[in-house]
N, C-alpha and C. Protein backbone atom coordinates (compact mmCIF):
# COMPACT_ATOMS: atom_id res chain seq x y z
N MET A 1 48.59 9.99 -3.57
CA MET A 1 47.94 9.58 -2.33
C MET A 1 46.77 10.53 -2.06
N THR A 2 45.63 9.95 -1.77
CA THR A 2 44.43 10.71 -1.46
C THR A 2 44.32 10.89 0.05
N GLU A 3 43.94 12.08 0.48
CA GLU A 3 43.71 12.31 1.91
C GLU A 3 42.21 12.27 2.19
N ILE A 4 41.84 11.53 3.23
CA ILE A 4 40.46 11.43 3.66
C ILE A 4 40.35 12.07 5.04
N LYS A 5 39.48 13.04 5.16
CA LYS A 5 39.31 13.74 6.43
C LYS A 5 38.18 13.10 7.23
N ILE A 6 38.47 12.78 8.48
CA ILE A 6 37.42 12.27 9.36
C ILE A 6 37.27 13.22 10.55
N LYS A 7 36.08 13.24 11.11
CA LYS A 7 35.81 14.15 12.23
C LYS A 7 35.75 13.40 13.55
N THR A 8 35.89 12.08 13.48
CA THR A 8 35.84 11.25 14.68
C THR A 8 37.25 10.78 15.04
N GLU A 9 37.36 10.12 16.18
CA GLU A 9 38.66 9.63 16.63
C GLU A 9 39.21 8.56 15.70
N PHE A 10 38.32 7.74 15.13
CA PHE A 10 38.72 6.66 14.24
C PHE A 10 37.57 6.30 13.31
N ILE A 11 37.88 5.48 12.31
CA ILE A 11 36.87 4.91 11.42
C ILE A 11 37.27 3.45 11.21
N LYS A 12 36.29 2.57 11.17
CA LYS A 12 36.60 1.15 10.97
C LYS A 12 37.02 0.92 9.52
N LEU A 13 37.91 -0.06 9.36
CA LEU A 13 38.51 -0.31 8.05
C LEU A 13 37.49 -0.54 6.96
N ASP A 14 36.51 -1.39 7.19
CA ASP A 14 35.53 -1.66 6.13
C ASP A 14 34.73 -0.42 5.77
N ALA A 15 34.40 0.39 6.78
CA ALA A 15 33.66 1.64 6.53
C ALA A 15 34.53 2.63 5.76
N LEU A 16 35.82 2.66 6.06
CA LEU A 16 36.73 3.57 5.35
C LEU A 16 36.80 3.22 3.88
N LEU A 17 36.90 1.95 3.57
CA LEU A 17 36.98 1.54 2.17
C LEU A 17 35.77 2.01 1.39
N LYS A 18 34.59 1.94 2.00
CA LYS A 18 33.37 2.43 1.34
C LYS A 18 33.38 3.96 1.29
N PHE A 19 33.72 4.61 2.41
CA PHE A 19 33.72 6.07 2.49
C PHE A 19 34.67 6.69 1.47
N ALA A 20 35.82 6.05 1.27
CA ALA A 20 36.83 6.56 0.33
C ALA A 20 36.56 6.13 -1.11
N SER A 21 35.45 5.43 -1.33
CA SER A 21 35.06 4.93 -2.66
C SER A 21 36.10 3.99 -3.27
N LEU A 22 36.78 3.23 -2.43
CA LEU A 22 37.72 2.23 -2.92
C LEU A 22 37.00 0.94 -3.27
N VAL A 23 35.79 0.76 -2.72
CA VAL A 23 34.94 -0.38 -3.04
C VAL A 23 33.52 0.12 -3.25
N ASN A 24 32.72 -0.71 -3.88
CA ASN A 24 31.34 -0.32 -4.16
C ASN A 24 30.36 -0.75 -3.08
N SER A 25 30.76 -1.75 -2.26
CA SER A 25 29.82 -2.26 -1.26
C SER A 25 30.57 -2.80 -0.05
N GLY A 26 29.83 -2.99 1.01
CA GLY A 26 30.41 -3.58 2.21
C GLY A 26 30.86 -5.01 1.97
N GLY A 27 30.11 -5.73 1.12
CA GLY A 27 30.47 -7.10 0.78
C GLY A 27 31.81 -7.17 0.06
N GLU A 28 32.03 -6.22 -0.84
CA GLU A 28 33.30 -6.17 -1.56
C GLU A 28 34.44 -5.86 -0.60
N ALA A 29 34.21 -4.93 0.34
CA ALA A 29 35.22 -4.60 1.35
C ALA A 29 35.56 -5.83 2.18
N LYS A 30 34.53 -6.55 2.61
CA LYS A 30 34.73 -7.74 3.42
C LYS A 30 35.58 -8.77 2.70
N MET A 31 35.31 -9.01 1.42
CA MET A 31 36.05 -10.01 0.66
C MET A 31 37.51 -9.60 0.47
N LEU A 32 37.75 -8.34 0.14
CA LEU A 32 39.13 -7.87 -0.04
C LEU A 32 39.93 -7.98 1.25
N ILE A 33 39.30 -7.63 2.36
CA ILE A 33 39.98 -7.70 3.66
C ILE A 33 40.27 -9.15 4.02
N GLN A 34 39.29 -10.02 3.88
CA GLN A 34 39.48 -11.44 4.21
C GLN A 34 40.51 -12.11 3.32
N ASP A 35 40.62 -11.66 2.07
CA ASP A 35 41.58 -12.24 1.13
C ASP A 35 43.00 -11.70 1.31
N GLY A 36 43.19 -10.79 2.28
CA GLY A 36 44.53 -10.26 2.55
C GLY A 36 45.02 -9.26 1.52
N GLN A 37 44.09 -8.57 0.86
CA GLN A 37 44.46 -7.61 -0.17
C GLN A 37 44.52 -6.17 0.34
N VAL A 38 44.16 -5.97 1.62
CA VAL A 38 44.14 -4.62 2.18
C VAL A 38 45.33 -4.44 3.12
N PHE A 39 46.03 -3.33 2.94
CA PHE A 39 47.20 -3.02 3.74
C PHE A 39 46.93 -1.79 4.60
N VAL A 40 47.35 -1.85 5.86
CA VAL A 40 47.27 -0.70 6.76
C VAL A 40 48.70 -0.43 7.20
N ASN A 41 49.18 0.76 6.88
CA ASN A 41 50.55 1.15 7.18
C ASN A 41 51.57 0.13 6.67
N GLY A 42 51.31 -0.37 5.45
CA GLY A 42 52.24 -1.27 4.80
C GLY A 42 52.16 -2.73 5.19
N LYS A 43 51.24 -3.09 6.09
CA LYS A 43 51.10 -4.47 6.53
C LYS A 43 49.70 -4.98 6.19
N ILE A 44 49.61 -6.25 5.80
CA ILE A 44 48.31 -6.85 5.51
C ILE A 44 47.43 -6.81 6.75
N CYS A 45 46.18 -6.44 6.56
CA CYS A 45 45.24 -6.40 7.67
C CYS A 45 44.00 -7.20 7.28
N THR A 46 43.65 -8.18 8.09
CA THR A 46 42.47 -9.01 7.82
C THR A 46 41.35 -8.78 8.83
N MET A 47 41.43 -7.68 9.56
CA MET A 47 40.40 -7.35 10.57
C MET A 47 39.48 -6.26 10.01
N ARG A 48 38.24 -6.63 9.69
CA ARG A 48 37.29 -5.66 9.13
C ARG A 48 37.05 -4.49 10.07
N GLY A 49 37.04 -4.74 11.37
CA GLY A 49 36.73 -3.71 12.34
C GLY A 49 37.93 -2.95 12.86
N LYS A 50 39.08 -3.12 12.22
CA LYS A 50 40.30 -2.43 12.67
C LYS A 50 40.04 -0.93 12.71
N LYS A 51 40.43 -0.31 13.80
CA LYS A 51 40.24 1.13 13.95
C LYS A 51 41.35 1.87 13.21
N ILE A 52 40.96 2.67 12.24
CA ILE A 52 41.89 3.45 11.45
C ILE A 52 41.86 4.87 11.98
N ARG A 53 43.02 5.36 12.35
CA ARG A 53 43.13 6.67 12.99
C ARG A 53 43.91 7.65 12.09
N PRO A 54 43.84 8.95 12.41
CA PRO A 54 44.61 9.92 11.63
C PRO A 54 46.08 9.51 11.53
N GLU A 55 46.64 9.74 10.36
CA GLU A 55 48.01 9.42 9.98
C GLU A 55 48.19 7.99 9.50
N ASP A 56 47.17 7.13 9.63
CA ASP A 56 47.25 5.77 9.08
C ASP A 56 47.12 5.86 7.56
N ILE A 57 47.77 4.92 6.88
CA ILE A 57 47.71 4.85 5.42
C ILE A 57 47.14 3.48 5.05
N VAL A 58 46.11 3.49 4.23
CA VAL A 58 45.42 2.27 3.83
C VAL A 58 45.52 2.15 2.30
N SER A 59 45.75 0.91 1.83
CA SER A 59 45.77 0.68 0.39
C SER A 59 45.23 -0.70 0.07
N ILE A 60 44.87 -0.89 -1.18
CA ILE A 60 44.45 -2.19 -1.67
C ILE A 60 45.55 -2.67 -2.62
N ASN A 61 46.20 -3.76 -2.23
CA ASN A 61 47.32 -4.31 -3.01
C ASN A 61 48.39 -3.27 -3.32
N GLY A 62 48.62 -2.35 -2.41
CA GLY A 62 49.66 -1.35 -2.59
C GLY A 62 49.29 -0.21 -3.52
N GLU A 63 48.07 -0.22 -4.04
CA GLU A 63 47.61 0.85 -4.94
C GLU A 63 46.51 1.65 -4.26
N ASN A 64 46.16 2.78 -4.83
CA ASN A 64 45.09 3.63 -4.31
C ASN A 64 45.31 3.99 -2.84
N GLU A 65 46.49 4.46 -2.50
CA GLU A 65 46.78 4.79 -1.10
C GLU A 65 45.91 5.92 -0.60
N VAL A 66 45.42 5.74 0.63
CA VAL A 66 44.57 6.74 1.28
C VAL A 66 45.18 7.05 2.63
N LYS A 67 45.41 8.33 2.90
CA LYS A 67 45.93 8.77 4.20
C LYS A 67 44.80 9.42 4.97
N ILE A 68 44.67 9.06 6.23
CA ILE A 68 43.60 9.60 7.06
C ILE A 68 44.12 10.86 7.77
N VAL A 69 43.35 11.91 7.70
CA VAL A 69 43.68 13.15 8.40
C VAL A 69 42.47 13.58 9.22
N CYS A 70 42.73 14.44 10.21
CA CYS A 70 41.60 14.92 11.00
C CYS A 70 41.40 16.40 10.80
């Protein structure tokens, strides 16, 4: 599991995927999210603008888990 440090209260899901280098572009993030391939804390999330906060865990199809820390 990779830890990603943020300095703000939250980061939006699509921005996190790009920031963590899990996708190459915003378009790719959008498609993965819309297709139900992105999980937040073990549940499918289809909201691109979902606020991801410290201690949340994000993954794509259960792989490449990223934990947010502050």
